[in-house]
Protein backbone atom coordinates (compact mmCIF):
# COMPACT_ATOMS: atom_id res chain seq x y z
CA MET A 1 113.58 -113.09 107.77
CA PHE A 2 116.36 -110.91 108.29
CA SER A 3 117.86 -113.81 110.69
CA VAL A 4 117.07 -116.47 107.67
CA ILE A 5 119.00 -114.56 105.64
CA ASN A 6 122.09 -114.05 107.66
CA THR A 7 122.26 -117.56 108.57
CA LYS A 8 121.70 -118.59 104.85
CA GLN A 9 124.45 -116.18 104.02
CA LYS A 10 127.04 -117.56 106.25
CA LYS A 11 126.12 -121.34 104.98
CA LEU A 12 126.48 -119.95 101.22
CA GLN A 13 130.25 -118.77 102.29
CA THR A 14 131.16 -122.46 103.45
CA PRO A 15 133.12 -124.64 101.16
CA GLU A 16 130.15 -127.06 100.64
CA PHE A 17 128.10 -124.61 98.65
CA SER A 18 128.77 -124.16 95.19
CA ARG A 19 128.76 -120.62 93.83
CA TYR A 20 127.10 -119.51 90.54
CA ASP A 21 127.12 -116.27 88.04
CA GLU A 22 123.86 -115.91 90.17
CA ASP A 23 122.85 -116.88 93.25
CA TRP A 24 119.25 -116.88 94.64
CA LEU A 25 117.81 -117.68 98.25
CA LEU A 26 114.04 -118.68 98.30
CA ILE A 27 112.43 -118.13 101.62
CA ARG A 28 108.85 -119.52 102.53
CA ASP A 29 107.30 -116.97 104.72
CA ALA A 30 105.52 -119.12 107.34
CA TRP A 31 105.20 -116.78 110.28
CA PRO A 32 101.77 -116.54 112.30
CA PHE A 33 101.19 -112.82 111.58
CA PRO A 34 97.97 -112.65 109.32
CA SER A 35 97.78 -108.83 109.22
CA VAL A 36 101.67 -107.67 108.04
CA ASP A 37 101.38 -104.59 105.53
CA LEU A 38 103.33 -106.62 103.10
CA LYS A 39 105.19 -103.48 101.20
CA ASN A 40 105.97 -102.11 104.88
CA ALA A 41 107.27 -105.27 106.14
CA THR A 42 109.62 -105.68 103.07
CA GLY A 43 110.93 -102.06 103.03
CA HIS A 44 111.95 -102.51 106.85
CA LEU A 45 113.69 -105.74 105.80
CA PHE A 46 115.45 -103.98 102.67
CA LEU A 47 116.52 -101.16 105.06
CA GLN A 48 117.95 -103.81 107.65
CA ILE A 49 120.13 -105.53 104.79
CA ARG A 50 121.22 -102.26 103.25
CA ASP A 51 122.32 -100.62 106.63
CA ARG A 52 123.92 -103.65 108.39
CA ASN A 53 127.68 -102.96 106.72
CA ILE A 54 127.90 -106.39 104.88
CA LYS A 55 127.71 -106.96 101.34
CA LEU A 56 124.46 -109.03 100.35
CA GLU A 57 126.04 -112.16 99.24
CA PHE A 58 122.56 -113.35 97.30
CA ASP A 59 121.97 -111.47 93.90
CA ARG A 60 118.25 -111.96 94.75
CA VAL A 61 116.21 -112.80 97.57
CA PHE A 62 112.44 -114.12 96.79
CA ILE A 63 109.83 -114.62 99.80
CA ILE A 64 106.96 -116.23 99.33
CA ARG A 65 103.89 -116.46 101.42
CA CYS A 66 102.79 -119.71 103.09
CA SER A 67 99.06 -119.00 102.52
CA ASP A 68 99.80 -119.15 98.51
CA ARG A 69 98.45 -115.68 97.84
CA GLY A 70 99.96 -112.31 97.37
CA PRO A 71 102.92 -111.40 95.46
CA VAL A 72 106.30 -112.79 95.41
CA CYS A 73 108.94 -110.43 97.22
CA GLU A 74 112.10 -109.97 95.65
CA ILE A 75 114.91 -108.15 97.86
CA ALA A 76 118.58 -107.60 95.99
CA GLU A 77 121.21 -104.80 96.57
CA HIS A 78 119.70 -102.08 94.98
CA GLY A 79 115.79 -102.06 96.09
CA PHE A 80 112.89 -104.44 96.22
CA THR A 81 109.89 -105.05 93.75
CA PHE A 82 106.62 -107.33 94.03
CA HIS A 83 105.97 -109.91 91.50
CA PRO A 84 102.29 -111.17 90.62
CA ARG A 85 101.76 -115.27 91.90
CA ASN A 86 101.12 -117.45 88.77
CA ASP A 87 98.35 -119.68 90.00
CA LEU A 88 98.64 -123.01 87.65
CA TRP A 89 95.49 -124.36 88.59
CA LEU A 90 93.23 -121.45 87.75
């Protein structure tokens, strides 16, 4: 995820992209790691972003898992949170 964020951040700074009041990034997590502890992994990712000495250009980064289950992870400069995922088909 860290590599994806860095790549997208570089693209965001190019002239082809328009900037807005808030710029968000949505990532679909399709990595084949079924037993990852989501809280620990998100905390580790947040620390990597914070410690890299480069400002996060996205106001918010959202990560959803490909399994269509579990919360939506939100990462910002100040920290990270989890949001329940709404299932529109229930």
